[in-house]
Amino acid sequence: MRDPQARLFEEKMQSLTKNKRKTFVAATLVASIALFFAATSVPSARAWSTVANTNLVSNIHSSEVTNLHTHAVLHAHAAGAAQAATVLQSASVIQSWSGAALSAQSLTAIQTASMVASQSAVAIQSIQTATLASQQSISSLSMVNMQTGSFTAFQAASTLQSVTMFQSQAVWSLQTVQSLSTQTAVALQAVSSFPSATNLAIAAFYVSQLSTALETSASFFFQAATTLQTAETIQSTVIIDDFTATQISTSFSAAIIAQSQAATAVLLVVPVIVQAHAVVLADVITATQACWCAPFIATTVLAQTSAQASIAFQTAATFVSNAAVIMQSEAAITTSSTVATSLITAATFASQASLSFQSAAVLMSQSAVAFQSGAIVTGVGFASTAATNIFAGASLLASGCGALGTVVIL
């Protein structure tokens, strides 16, 4: 017969084993339920984050396009300013030698150029403001990437910091452009009121300086655009929380649209300036042909200014052509057929504008050679045709920027 104490001990052990088994089953059930909810909820949360991050990457792409837009506009403006500086300098020299006065049509055209130069200064300031806002959004994204901790996020942050560096340089450069635009407007207004050789020379100086400053600013926007292209690729593999991504996207979008609109406002100035100085050029042609000093003026001032304008036109042609190539590349990789169509349209207009600028550069080079050889009528003819090409190029670029504006809004 079994010992009662031994039997009691055995019953307790059996009860303890059953309780452990129940506890294990319950724990397993709880873990299974937790895993089920984790498996069903994580994809949903990640999908939401992916949408927010996709929008953020799309904004980086739009910023890239907008910087290309801005860079092309500034180069077109630089080309138009170079042409204007050439005309004003020529008018100053011929007036100092012959005393021939500018016509009433030329004075009206110069006054118009002064007004649009003032408008350009305001639009340039708007580009500055928008670029600073864009820089703030990109800096915020860079900081968030640094906090994410992954190697890819760190790469994205580093690339975005490079973008902000180029943006800072662009903003500082635009400050110079804005100042020179204001000074140009004042100088042109002085010419329209008192068209002396001295005032014409001063206006030519400021317009020439403006052309150089515009080219410098344009180069920074181009560097920002190409760096953003790299940043877009890297950022597309980084996931940040949807709330932060949405916040950055909202402010980023507003800055991009503001920059695009301001750049378009600057571009509208270019054809007006080119057309105004084409009117002045007609006076210069008449006065030069009638002056005994024509050979001296042609081989010195006119030859030099034509050569300088040729370089500016060639620079504009090169950079606008580069922008067209990049837009074509972007059209090939975008997932949106609407965006692709707009980019291709913009690239086509940019390519055509580049050809117009290229033709103007060749014509101004031929003009310089003609002036140097003393063939004044031939040189003036080349310069006149070059002005027509610059006007055509600016108009084509304006059409292209209209298509780019669609991409930015999308």
Protein backbone atom coordinates (compact mmCIF):
# COMPACT_ATOMS: atom_id res chain seq x y z
CA MET A 1 0.00 0.00 0.00
CA ARG A 2 1.35 3.40 -1.07
CA ASP A 3 2.41 5.91 1.49
CA PRO A 4 -0.24 8.72 1.76
CA GLN A 5 2.46 11.36 1.76
CA ALA A 6 4.03 9.95 -1.41
CA ARG A 7 0.64 9.93 -3.13
CA LEU A 8 -0.04 13.54 -2.10
CA PHE A 9 3.37 14.61 -3.44
CA GLU A 10 2.65 12.89 -6.77
CA GLU A 11 -0.74 14.63 -7.12
CA LYS A 12 0.85 18.03 -6.50
CA MET A 13 3.50 17.40 -9.13
CA GLN A 14 0.86 16.39 -11.68
CA SER A 15 -1.15 19.54 -10.91
CA LEU A 16 1.95 21.71 -11.29
CA THR A 17 2.77 20.12 -14.68
CA LYS A 18 -0.78 20.75 -15.91
CA ASN A 19 -0.59 24.41 -14.86
CA LYS A 20 2.73 24.87 -16.64
CA ARG A 21 1.26 23.30 -19.78
CA LYS A 22 -1.74 25.66 -19.61
CA THR A 23 0.56 28.64 -19.09
CA PHE A 24 2.70 27.63 -22.10
CA VAL A 25 -0.38 27.18 -24.30
CA ALA A 26 -1.75 30.57 -23.23
CA ALA A 27 1.59 32.28 -23.84
CA THR A 28 1.84 30.64 -27.25
CA LEU A 29 -1.68 31.80 -28.11
CA VAL A 30 -0.88 35.38 -27.04
CA ALA A 31 2.32 35.37 -29.07
CA SER A 32 0.49 34.02 -32.10
CA ILE A 33 -2.13 36.76 -31.85
CA ALA A 34 0.58 39.41 -31.50
CA LEU A 35 2.44 38.08 -34.53
CA PHE A 36 -0.80 38.03 -36.52
CA PHE A 37 -1.52 41.69 -35.81
CA ALA A 38 2.10 42.62 -36.47
CA ALA A 39 2.01 40.84 -39.81
CA THR A 40 -1.21 42.56 -40.86
CA SER A 41 -0.46 46.05 -39.53
CA VAL A 42 3.19 46.54 -40.60
CA PRO A 43 2.53 46.38 -44.36
CA SER A 44 -0.27 48.91 -43.93
CA ALA A 45 1.95 51.34 -41.98
CA ARG A 46 4.82 50.87 -44.43
CA ALA A 47 2.50 51.53 -47.39
CA TRP A 48 1.45 54.79 -45.79
CA SER A 49 5.07 55.76 -45.19
CA THR A 50 6.00 54.75 -48.72
CA VAL A 51 3.37 57.11 -50.15
CA ALA A 52 4.64 60.03 -48.05
CA ASN A 53 8.24 59.28 -48.95
CA THR A 54 7.39 58.90 -52.62
CA ASN A 55 5.88 62.38 -52.57
CA LEU A 56 9.04 63.67 -50.93
CA VAL A 57 11.24 62.10 -53.62
CA SER A 58 8.94 63.59 -56.28
CA ASN A 59 9.55 67.01 -54.74
CA ILE A 60 13.30 66.47 -55.02
CA HIS A 61 12.75 65.70 -58.69
CA SER A 62 10.62 68.83 -59.13
CA SER A 63 13.30 70.90 -57.42
CA GLU A 64 15.87 69.50 -59.83
CA VAL A 65 13.73 70.50 -62.81
CA THR A 66 13.07 73.94 -61.30
CA ASN A 67 16.79 74.56 -60.81
CA LEU A 68 17.39 73.59 -64.45
CA HIS A 69 14.60 75.99 -65.39
CA THR A 70 16.18 78.78 -63.32
CA HIS A 71 19.66 78.13 -64.68
CA ALA A 72 18.46 78.23 -68.31
CA VAL A 73 16.52 81.45 -67.69
CA LEU A 74 19.51 83.18 -66.10
CA HIS A 75 21.76 82.20 -69.00
CA ALA A 76 19.22 83.52 -71.49
CA HIS A 77 19.06 86.76 -69.52
CA ALA A 78 22.88 86.90 -69.51
CA ALA A 79 22.96 86.50 -73.29
CA GLY A 80 20.38 89.25 -73.75
CA ALA A 81 22.31 91.55 -71.40
CA ALA A 82 25.56 90.88 -73.27
CA GLN A 83 23.87 91.89 -76.52
CA ALA A 84 22.48 95.03 -74.88
CA ALA A 85 25.89 95.96 -73.47
CA THR A 86 27.40 95.63 -76.95
CA VAL A 87 24.81 97.96 -78.44
CA LEU A 88 25.07 100.55 -75.66
CA GLN A 89 28.86 100.62 -75.82
CA SER A 90 28.75 101.03 -79.59
CA ALA A 91 26.20 103.84 -79.24
CA SER A 92 28.41 105.58 -76.68
CA VAL A 93 31.50 105.47 -78.91
CA ILE A 94 29.77 106.57 -82.09
CA GLN A 95 28.07 109.45 -80.26
CA SER A 96 31.35 110.63 -78.74
CA TRP A 97 32.94 110.72 -82.20
CA SER A 98 30.10 111.87 -84.40
CA GLY A 99 27.76 113.63 -82.02
CA ALA A 100 24.82 111.81 -83.61
CA ALA A 101 21.83 111.74 -81.28
CA LEU A 102 19.66 108.72 -80.61
CA SER A 103 16.20 108.79 -82.15
CA ALA A 104 13.02 109.22 -80.15
CA GLN A 105 12.22 105.54 -80.83
CA SER A 106 15.54 104.49 -79.30
CA LEU A 107 14.99 106.61 -76.20
CA THR A 108 11.53 105.09 -75.73
CA ALA A 109 13.00 101.60 -76.16
CA ILE A 110 15.71 102.32 -73.56
CA GLN A 111 13.09 103.61 -71.12
CA THR A 112 11.16 100.37 -71.61
CA ALA A 113 14.35 98.39 -70.97
CA SER A 114 14.84 100.37 -67.75
CA MET A 115 11.34 99.47 -66.56
CA VAL A 116 11.75 95.74 -67.22
CA ALA A 117 15.19 95.79 -65.55
CA SER A 118 13.44 97.02 -62.40
CA GLN A 119 10.89 94.22 -62.76
CA SER A 120 13.74 91.77 -63.17
CA ALA A 121 15.30 92.95 -59.90
CA VAL A 122 12.02 92.19 -58.08
CA ALA A 123 11.76 88.74 -59.71
CA ILE A 124 15.40 87.99 -58.82
CA GLN A 125 14.62 88.79 -55.19
CA SER A 126 11.68 86.37 -55.38
CA ILE A 127 14.03 83.65 -56.66
CA GLN A 128 16.30 84.37 -53.69
CA THR A 129 13.44 84.04 -51.22
CA ALA A 130 12.17 80.83 -52.80
CA THR A 131 15.67 79.34 -52.93
CA LEU A 132 16.17 80.07 -49.23
CA ALA A 133 12.85 78.36 -48.43
CA SER A 134 13.86 75.38 -50.56
CA GLN A 135 17.22 75.28 -48.81
CA GLN A 136 15.48 75.16 -45.43
CA SER A 137 13.35 72.18 -46.52
CA ILE A 138 16.37 70.33 -47.89
CA SER A 139 18.34 71.04 -44.69
CA SER A 140 15.47 69.64 -42.62
CA LEU A 141 15.40 66.48 -44.72
CA SER A 142 19.16 66.14 -44.39
CA MET A 143 18.92 66.34 -40.58
CA VAL A 144 16.14 63.74 -40.50
CA ASN A 145 18.24 61.43 -42.67
CA MET A 146 21.18 61.80 -40.26
CA GLN A 147 18.93 60.77 -37.37
CA THR A 148 17.68 57.73 -39.28
CA GLY A 149 21.07 56.13 -38.80
CA SER A 150 21.44 53.89 -41.85
CA PHE A 151 24.40 54.17 -44.20
CA THR A 152 22.15 55.00 -47.17
CA ALA A 153 20.38 57.71 -45.16
CA PHE A 154 23.77 59.16 -44.27
CA GLN A 155 24.70 59.21 -47.98
CA ALA A 156 21.44 61.00 -48.78
CA ALA A 157 22.07 63.54 -46.01
CA SER A 158 25.59 64.23 -47.27
CA THR A 159 24.38 64.73 -50.85
CA LEU A 160 21.58 67.05 -49.72
CA GLN A 161 24.09 69.10 -47.74
CA SER A 162 26.02 69.61 -50.98
CA VAL A 163 22.82 70.90 -52.55
CA THR A 164 22.35 73.43 -49.76
CA MET A 165 25.93 74.61 -50.26
CA PHE A 166 25.26 75.35 -53.93
CA GLN A 167 22.00 77.04 -52.97
CA SER A 168 23.85 79.31 -50.53
CA GLN A 169 26.27 80.30 -53.28
CA ALA A 170 23.35 80.92 -55.63
CA VAL A 171 21.60 83.16 -53.11
CA TRP A 172 24.74 85.24 -52.51
CA SER A 173 25.29 85.51 -56.24
CA LEU A 174 21.69 86.58 -56.82
CA GLN A 175 22.23 89.38 -54.33
CA THR A 176 24.82 90.77 -56.75
CA VAL A 177 22.47 90.22 -59.68
CA GLN A 178 19.67 92.07 -57.92
CA SER A 179 21.94 95.00 -57.09
CA LEU A 180 23.24 95.22 -60.67
CA SER A 181 19.71 94.94 -62.05
CA THR A 182 18.69 97.95 -59.97
CA GLN A 183 21.79 99.89 -61.03
CA THR A 184 21.13 98.94 -64.66
CA ALA A 185 17.56 100.25 -64.41
CA VAL A 186 18.82 103.56 -63.00
CA ALA A 187 21.55 103.86 -65.64
CA LEU A 188 19.14 103.13 -68.49
CA GLN A 189 16.69 105.66 -67.10
CA ALA A 190 19.48 108.24 -67.10
CA VAL A 191 20.18 107.45 -70.76
CA SER A 192 16.54 107.84 -71.71
CA SER A 193 16.49 111.26 -70.00
CA PHE A 194 19.92 112.48 -71.11
CA PRO A 195 21.46 110.23 -73.81
CA SER A 196 25.06 111.42 -73.59
CA ALA A 197 28.05 109.30 -74.55
CA THR A 198 29.05 109.14 -70.88
CA ASN A 199 25.63 107.92 -69.71
CA LEU A 200 25.58 105.33 -72.50
CA ALA A 201 29.02 104.08 -71.43
CA ILE A 202 27.93 103.84 -67.79
CA ALA A 203 24.80 101.90 -68.77
CA ALA A 204 26.90 99.59 -70.95
CA PHE A 205 29.22 98.91 -68.01
CA TYR A 206 26.41 97.96 -65.62
CA VAL A 207 24.64 95.80 -68.20
CA SER A 208 27.91 93.99 -68.99
CA GLN A 209 28.53 93.38 -65.27
CA LEU A 210 24.96 92.13 -64.96
CA SER A 211 25.54 89.62 -67.76
CA THR A 212 28.61 88.21 -65.98
CA ALA A 213 26.82 87.99 -62.62
CA LEU A 214 23.86 86.19 -64.23
CA GLU A 215 26.18 83.57 -65.72
CA THR A 216 27.77 82.99 -62.30
CA SER A 217 24.38 82.55 -60.63
CA ALA A 218 23.22 80.23 -63.38
CA SER A 219 26.21 77.94 -62.83
CA PHE A 220 25.29 77.45 -59.14
CA PHE A 221 21.70 76.50 -60.02
CA PHE A 222 23.02 74.01 -62.57
CA GLN A 223 25.28 72.41 -59.94
CA ALA A 224 22.36 72.25 -57.51
CA ALA A 225 20.22 70.54 -60.17
CA THR A 226 22.78 67.87 -61.02
CA THR A 227 23.41 67.17 -57.32
CA LEU A 228 19.66 66.89 -56.69
CA GLN A 229 19.55 64.23 -59.41
CA THR A 230 21.95 62.11 -57.33
CA ALA A 231 20.06 62.91 -54.13
CA GLU A 232 16.79 61.78 -55.68
CA THR A 233 18.20 58.35 -56.46
CA ILE A 234 19.59 57.82 -52.96
CA GLN A 235 16.60 59.29 -51.09
CA SER A 236 14.25 56.91 -52.92
CA THR A 237 15.76 54.04 -50.86
CA VAL A 238 15.36 55.82 -47.51
CA ILE A 239 12.13 55.62 -45.49
CA ILE A 240 11.38 58.24 -42.86
CA ASP A 241 8.19 58.58 -40.81
CA ASP A 242 5.21 59.73 -42.84
CA PHE A 243 4.37 62.73 -40.62
CA THR A 244 7.85 64.25 -41.05
CA ALA A 245 7.94 63.42 -44.76
CA THR A 246 4.57 65.10 -45.29
CA GLN A 247 5.59 68.22 -43.36
CA ILE A 248 8.80 68.64 -45.38
CA SER A 249 6.98 67.95 -48.66
CA THR A 250 4.40 70.65 -48.00
CA SER A 251 6.92 73.43 -47.43
CA PHE A 252 9.20 72.10 -50.18
CA SER A 253 6.39 72.16 -52.76
CA ALA A 254 5.50 75.78 -52.00
CA ALA A 255 9.15 76.85 -52.39
CA ILE A 256 9.52 74.99 -55.69
CA ILE A 257 6.42 76.57 -57.24
CA ALA A 258 7.46 80.05 -56.04
CA GLN A 259 10.93 79.63 -57.57
CA SER A 260 9.49 78.44 -60.89
CA GLN A 261 7.10 81.37 -61.10
CA ALA A 262 9.83 83.90 -60.26
CA ALA A 263 12.19 82.42 -62.87
CA THR A 264 9.47 82.66 -65.51
CA ALA A 265 8.97 86.34 -64.56
CA VAL A 266 12.69 86.93 -65.19
CA LEU A 267 12.50 85.19 -68.57
CA LEU A 268 9.69 87.47 -69.74
CA VAL A 269 12.14 90.38 -69.41
CA VAL A 270 14.66 88.93 -71.88
CA PRO A 271 12.79 89.40 -75.19
CA VAL A 272 11.84 92.96 -74.18
CA ILE A 273 15.46 93.92 -73.48
CA VAL A 274 16.69 92.31 -76.71
CA GLN A 275 14.00 93.97 -78.80
CA ALA A 276 14.61 97.38 -77.17
CA HIS A 277 18.30 97.32 -77.97
CA ALA A 278 17.64 96.12 -81.51
CA VAL A 279 15.93 99.50 -82.01
CA VAL A 280 19.01 101.28 -80.62
CA LEU A 281 21.25 99.19 -82.90
CA ALA A 282 19.43 100.60 -85.94
CA ASP A 283 20.49 104.11 -84.84
CA VAL A 284 24.07 102.93 -84.32
CA ILE A 285 24.17 101.47 -87.84
CA THR A 286 22.96 104.73 -89.39
CA ALA A 287 25.37 106.89 -87.37
CA THR A 288 28.36 104.61 -88.00
CA GLN A 289 27.85 104.54 -91.74
CA ALA A 290 27.72 108.36 -91.85
CA CYS A 291 30.75 108.98 -89.61
CA TRP A 292 34.32 109.56 -90.87
CA CYS A 293 35.53 107.75 -87.73
CA ALA A 294 33.89 104.50 -88.72
CA PRO A 295 37.09 102.50 -89.49
CA PHE A 296 38.66 103.35 -86.12
CA ILE A 297 35.49 102.55 -84.17
CA ALA A 298 34.97 99.29 -86.05
CA THR A 299 38.46 97.88 -85.47
CA THR A 300 38.54 98.79 -81.78
CA VAL A 301 35.29 99.09 -79.86
CA LEU A 302 32.88 97.26 -82.17
CA ALA A 303 35.20 94.31 -82.78
CA GLN A 304 35.86 93.88 -79.06
CA THR A 305 32.26 94.15 -77.93
CA SER A 306 31.11 91.73 -80.66
CA ALA A 307 33.69 89.19 -79.53
CA GLN A 308 32.56 89.51 -75.91
CA ALA A 309 28.93 89.06 -76.89
CA SER A 310 29.85 85.97 -78.92
CA ILE A 311 31.35 84.34 -75.83
CA ALA A 312 28.23 85.11 -73.77
CA PHE A 313 25.96 83.68 -76.47
CA GLN A 314 28.07 80.53 -76.72
CA THR A 315 27.95 80.04 -72.96
CA ALA A 316 24.16 80.34 -72.98
CA ALA A 317 23.93 77.87 -75.88
CA THR A 318 26.07 75.30 -74.06
CA PHE A 319 24.23 75.42 -70.76
CA VAL A 320 20.75 75.46 -72.28
CA SER A 321 21.77 72.47 -74.40
CA ASN A 322 22.98 70.66 -71.27
CA ALA A 323 19.64 71.35 -69.61
CA ALA A 324 17.84 69.86 -72.62
CA VAL A 325 19.92 66.66 -72.37
CA ILE A 326 19.19 66.29 -68.65
CA MET A 327 15.44 66.82 -69.20
CA GLN A 328 15.45 64.12 -71.88
CA SER A 329 17.18 61.77 -69.43
CA GLU A 330 14.62 62.57 -66.75
CA ALA A 331 11.78 61.89 -69.21
CA ALA A 332 13.22 58.43 -69.86
CA ILE A 333 13.20 57.38 -66.19
CA THR A 334 10.04 59.01 -64.80
CA THR A 335 7.09 56.74 -64.08
CA SER A 336 4.55 59.42 -65.04
CA SER A 337 3.67 59.60 -68.74
CA THR A 338 2.30 63.12 -68.26
CA VAL A 339 5.53 64.35 -66.68
CA ALA A 340 7.56 62.58 -69.38
CA THR A 341 5.59 64.34 -72.13
CA SER A 342 6.08 67.74 -70.49
CA LEU A 343 9.81 67.13 -70.03
CA ILE A 344 10.24 66.07 -73.66
CA THR A 345 8.35 69.16 -74.81
CA ALA A 346 10.52 71.41 -72.63
CA ALA A 347 13.67 69.65 -73.83
CA THR A 348 12.67 70.18 -77.45
CA PHE A 349 12.13 73.90 -76.94
CA ALA A 350 15.40 74.16 -75.00
CA SER A 351 17.29 72.41 -77.80
CA GLN A 352 15.83 74.81 -80.35
CA ALA A 353 16.67 77.78 -78.12
CA SER A 354 20.21 76.48 -77.78
CA LEU A 355 20.56 76.38 -81.57
CA SER A 356 19.36 79.98 -81.77
CA PHE A 357 21.92 81.06 -79.17
CA GLN A 358 24.59 79.06 -80.99
CA SER A 359 23.75 80.80 -84.27
CA ALA A 360 23.91 84.16 -82.52
CA ALA A 361 27.35 83.30 -81.14
CA VAL A 362 28.65 82.41 -84.62
CA LEU A 363 27.14 85.57 -86.11
CA MET A 364 28.71 87.79 -83.44
CA SER A 365 32.05 86.11 -84.02
CA GLN A 366 31.71 86.83 -87.74
CA SER A 367 30.70 90.38 -86.85
CA ALA A 368 33.90 90.81 -84.80
CA VAL A 369 36.02 89.54 -87.72
CA ALA A 370 34.23 91.86 -90.14
CA PHE A 371 34.69 94.87 -87.89
CA GLN A 372 38.34 94.03 -87.38
CA SER A 373 38.87 93.99 -91.16
CA GLY A 374 37.03 97.31 -91.53
CA ALA A 375 33.91 95.86 -93.16
CA ILE A 376 31.50 97.93 -91.09
CA VAL A 377 28.29 97.29 -93.01
CA THR A 378 28.93 93.54 -92.98
CA GLY A 379 29.75 93.56 -89.27
CA VAL A 380 26.63 95.49 -88.37
CA GLY A 381 24.57 93.12 -90.52
CA PHE A 382 25.87 90.09 -88.62
CA ALA A 383 25.21 91.80 -85.28
CA SER A 384 21.66 92.70 -86.30
CA THR A 385 20.88 89.10 -87.32
CA ALA A 386 22.41 87.85 -84.06
CA ALA A 387 20.01 90.07 -82.10
CA THR A 388 17.11 88.48 -83.98
CA ASN A 389 18.37 85.01 -83.05
CA ILE A 390 18.71 85.92 -79.39
CA PHE A 391 15.12 87.16 -79.39
CA ALA A 392 13.99 83.90 -81.03
CA GLY A 393 15.99 81.84 -78.54
CA ALA A 394 14.49 83.64 -75.56
CA SER A 395 10.98 83.15 -76.96
CA LEU A 396 11.60 79.42 -77.51
CA LEU A 397 12.98 79.08 -74.01
CA ALA A 398 9.87 80.81 -72.66
CA SER A 399 7.73 78.14 -74.32
CA GLY A 400 9.94 75.44 -72.83
CA CYS A 401 9.64 76.96 -69.37
CA GLY A 402 5.87 76.84 -69.74
CA ALA A 403 6.14 73.07 -70.13
CA LEU A 404 8.53 72.87 -67.18
CA GLY A 405 6.01 74.76 -65.08
CA THR A 406 3.58 71.92 -65.71
CA VAL A 407 6.13 69.41 -64.44
CA VAL A 408 6.70 71.41 -61.25
CA ILE A 409 2.98 71.61 -60.51
CA LEU A 410 2.58 67.88 -61.15
